[in-house]
């Protein structure tokens, strides 16, 4: 019997990777022979931002001061920088503030 402390995290990552890959393949298979209208293309291009917002949205109702401060910093950074620097600065700010503020 494998050790659960090693097996469960690896299985979780593997299943998340498989799920991500499956959704991409299904999307490709469904849309490969179709020409998207400009409106549908705009919808498809905005989906990554919508997913990111759905992950961030619970922080708006957080009761931890560090999370609320990090959220405010993230919003300020997002107005000035592109996605990658915003994500990196947000992760660093959240970790530092959780360590310092609690």
C-alpha atoms as a PDB file:
ATOM      1  CA  UNK A   1       0.000   0.000   0.000  1.00  0.00           C
ATOM      2  CA  UNK A   2       1.566   3.333  -1.024  1.00  0.00           C
ATOM      3  CA  UNK A   3       2.050   6.045   1.524  1.00  0.00           C
ATOM      4  CA  UNK A   4      -0.994   8.376   1.451  1.00  0.00           C
ATOM      5  CA  UNK A   5       1.074  11.497   2.161  1.00  0.00           C
ATOM      6  CA  UNK A   6       2.866  10.981  -1.149  1.00  0.00           C
ATOM      7  CA  UNK A   7       0.113   9.368  -3.189  1.00  0.00           C
ATOM      8  CA  UNK A   8      -2.747  11.823  -2.566  1.00  0.00           C
ATOM      9  CA  UNK A   9      -0.939  15.014  -3.640  1.00  0.00           C
ATOM     10  CA  UNK A  10       0.447  13.309  -6.746  1.00  0.00           C
ATOM     11  CA  UNK A  11      -2.950  11.863  -7.609  1.00  0.00           C
ATOM     12  CA  UNK A  12      -4.551  15.280  -7.099  1.00  0.00           C
ATOM     13  CA  UNK A  13      -2.082  17.008  -9.413  1.00  0.00           C
ATOM     14  CA  UNK A  14      -2.403  14.239 -12.007  1.00  0.00           C
ATOM     15  CA  UNK A  15      -6.210  14.430 -11.974  1.00  0.00           C
ATOM     16  CA  UNK A  16      -6.143  18.233 -12.232  1.00  0.00           C
ATOM     17  CA  UNK A  17      -3.759  18.009 -15.197  1.00  0.00           C
ATOM     18  CA  UNK A  18      -5.946  15.365 -16.843  1.00  0.00           C
ATOM     19  CA  UNK A  19      -9.066  17.469 -16.314  1.00  0.00           C
ATOM     20  CA  UNK A  20      -7.390  20.558 -17.776  1.00  0.00           C
ATOM     21  CA  UNK A  21      -6.166  18.611 -20.778  1.00  0.00           C
ATOM     22  CA  UNK A  22      -9.588  16.993 -21.286  1.00  0.00           C
ATOM     23  CA  UNK A  23     -11.403  20.328 -21.290  1.00  0.00           C
ATOM     24  CA  UNK A  24      -8.981  21.708 -23.861  1.00  0.00           C
ATOM     25  CA  UNK A  25      -9.309  18.656 -26.100  1.00  0.00           C
ATOM     26  CA  UNK A  26     -13.108  18.652 -25.867  1.00  0.00           C
ATOM     27  CA  UNK A  27     -13.196  22.349 -26.733  1.00  0.00           C
ATOM     28  CA  UNK A  28     -10.944  21.748 -29.706  1.00  0.00           C
ATOM     29  CA  UNK A  29     -13.003  18.790 -30.931  1.00  0.00           C
ATOM     30  CA  UNK A  30     -16.287  20.665 -30.595  1.00  0.00           C
ATOM     31  CA  UNK A  31     -15.081  23.880 -32.252  1.00  0.00           C
ATOM     32  CA  UNK A  32     -12.557  22.617 -34.819  1.00  0.00           C
ATOM     33  CA  UNK A  33     -14.883  22.709 -37.846  1.00  0.00           C
ATOM     34  CA  UNK A  34     -16.708  25.894 -36.931  1.00  0.00           C
ATOM     35  CA  UNK A  35     -16.089  29.487 -37.823  1.00  0.00           C
ATOM     36  CA  UNK A  36     -16.665  31.678 -34.804  1.00  0.00           C
ATOM     37  CA  UNK A  37     -18.547  34.933 -35.141  1.00  0.00           C
ATOM     38  CA  UNK A  38     -16.799  38.057 -33.845  1.00  0.00           C
ATOM     39  CA  UNK A  39     -19.126  38.043 -30.853  1.00  0.00           C
ATOM     40  CA  UNK A  40     -18.350  34.416 -29.976  1.00  0.00           C
ATOM     41  CA  UNK A  41     -14.636  35.047 -30.471  1.00  0.00           C
ATOM     42  CA  UNK A  42     -14.861  37.922 -27.973  1.00  0.00           C
ATOM     43  CA  UNK A  43     -16.632  35.635 -25.499  1.00  0.00           C
ATOM     44  CA  UNK A  44     -13.971  32.944 -25.880  1.00  0.00           C
ATOM     45  CA  UNK A  45     -11.179  35.481 -25.423  1.00  0.00           C
ATOM     46  CA  UNK A  46     -12.717  36.785 -22.197  1.00  0.00           C
ATOM     47  CA  UNK A  47     -13.110  33.359 -20.576  1.00  0.00           C
ATOM     48  CA  UNK A  48      -9.667  33.228 -18.885  1.00  0.00           C
ATOM     49  CA  UNK A  49     -10.410  36.481 -17.083  1.00  0.00           C
ATOM     50  CA  UNK A  50     -13.795  35.165 -15.991  1.00  0.00           C
ATOM     51  CA  UNK A  51     -12.207  32.046 -14.548  1.00  0.00           C
ATOM     52  CA  UNK A  52      -9.629  34.146 -12.719  1.00  0.00           C
ATOM     53  CA  UNK A  53     -12.359  36.339 -11.239  1.00  0.00           C
ATOM     54  CA  UNK A  54     -14.271  33.267 -10.051  1.00  0.00           C
ATOM     55  CA  UNK A  55     -11.164  32.165  -8.160  1.00  0.00           C
ATOM     56  CA  UNK A  56     -10.533  35.624  -6.692  1.00  0.00           C
ATOM     57  CA  UNK A  57     -14.153  36.553  -5.876  1.00  0.00           C
ATOM     58  CA  UNK A  58     -14.334  34.726  -2.507  1.00  0.00           C
ATOM     59  CA  UNK A  59     -11.563  37.029  -1.269  1.00  0.00           C
ATOM     60  CA  UNK A  60     -13.961  39.967  -1.503  1.00  0.00           C
ATOM     61  CA  UNK A  61     -15.868  38.534   1.455  1.00  0.00           C
ATOM     62  CA  UNK A  62     -12.837  37.335   3.410  1.00  0.00           C
ATOM     63  CA  UNK A  63     -12.644  38.097   7.090  1.00  0.00           C
ATOM     64  CA  UNK A  64      -8.831  38.125   7.196  1.00  0.00           C
ATOM     65  CA  UNK A  65      -7.362  41.622   7.050  1.00  0.00           C
ATOM     66  CA  UNK A  66      -4.295  40.324   5.180  1.00  0.00           C
ATOM     67  CA  UNK A  67      -6.462  38.950   2.372  1.00  0.00           C
ATOM     68  CA  UNK A  68      -8.422  42.177   2.043  1.00  0.00           C
ATOM     69  CA  UNK A  69      -5.231  44.263   1.899  1.00  0.00           C
ATOM     70  CA  UNK A  70      -3.738  41.859  -0.652  1.00  0.00           C
ATOM     71  CA  UNK A  71      -6.922  42.097  -2.712  1.00  0.00           C
ATOM     72  CA  UNK A  72      -6.713  45.903  -2.736  1.00  0.00           C
ATOM     73  CA  UNK A  73      -3.053  45.721  -3.779  1.00  0.00           C
ATOM     74  CA  UNK A  74      -3.957  43.237  -6.515  1.00  0.00           C
ATOM     75  CA  UNK A  75      -6.608  45.560  -7.903  1.00  0.00           C
ATOM     76  CA  UNK A  76      -4.160  48.469  -7.946  1.00  0.00           C
ATOM     77  CA  UNK A  77      -1.452  46.395  -9.633  1.00  0.00           C
ATOM     78  CA  UNK A  78      -3.955  45.048 -12.195  1.00  0.00           C
ATOM     79  CA  UNK A  79      -4.775  48.573 -13.315  1.00  0.00           C
ATOM     80  CA  UNK A  80      -1.134  49.232 -14.147  1.00  0.00           C
ATOM     81  CA  UNK A  81       0.431  45.931 -15.252  1.00  0.00           C
ATOM     82  CA  UNK A  82      -0.399  42.934 -17.426  1.00  0.00           C
ATOM     83  CA  UNK A  83      -1.624  39.577 -16.116  1.00  0.00           C
ATOM     84  CA  UNK A  84       1.669  37.831 -15.300  1.00  0.00           C
ATOM     85  CA  UNK A  85       3.206  40.605 -13.150  1.00  0.00           C
ATOM     86  CA  UNK A  86      -0.169  41.051 -11.457  1.00  0.00           C
ATOM     87  CA  UNK A  87      -0.381  37.369 -10.526  1.00  0.00           C
ATOM     88  CA  UNK A  88       3.218  37.250  -9.297  1.00  0.00           C
ATOM     89  CA  UNK A  89       2.904  40.410  -7.215  1.00  0.00           C
ATOM     90  CA  UNK A  90      -0.442  39.246  -5.831  1.00  0.00           C
ATOM     91  CA  UNK A  91       0.959  35.909  -4.688  1.00  0.00           C
ATOM     92  CA  UNK A  92       3.963  37.566  -3.064  1.00  0.00           C
ATOM     93  CA  UNK A  93       1.809  40.229  -1.398  1.00  0.00           C
ATOM     94  CA  UNK A  94      -0.690  37.684  -0.095  1.00  0.00           C
ATOM     95  CA  UNK A  95       2.033  35.448   1.335  1.00  0.00           C
ATOM     96  CA  UNK A  96       3.901  38.328   2.939  1.00  0.00           C
ATOM     97  CA  UNK A  97       0.775  39.919   4.382  1.00  0.00           C
ATOM     98  CA  UNK A  98      -0.502  36.615   5.767  1.00  0.00           C
ATOM     99  CA  UNK A  99       2.878  36.117   7.425  1.00  0.00           C
ATOM    100  CA  UNK A 100       3.093  39.657   8.799  1.00  0.00           C
ATOM    101  CA  UNK A 101      -0.541  40.439   9.609  1.00  0.00           C
ATOM    102  CA  UNK A 102      -1.938  36.986  10.152  1.00  0.00           C
END
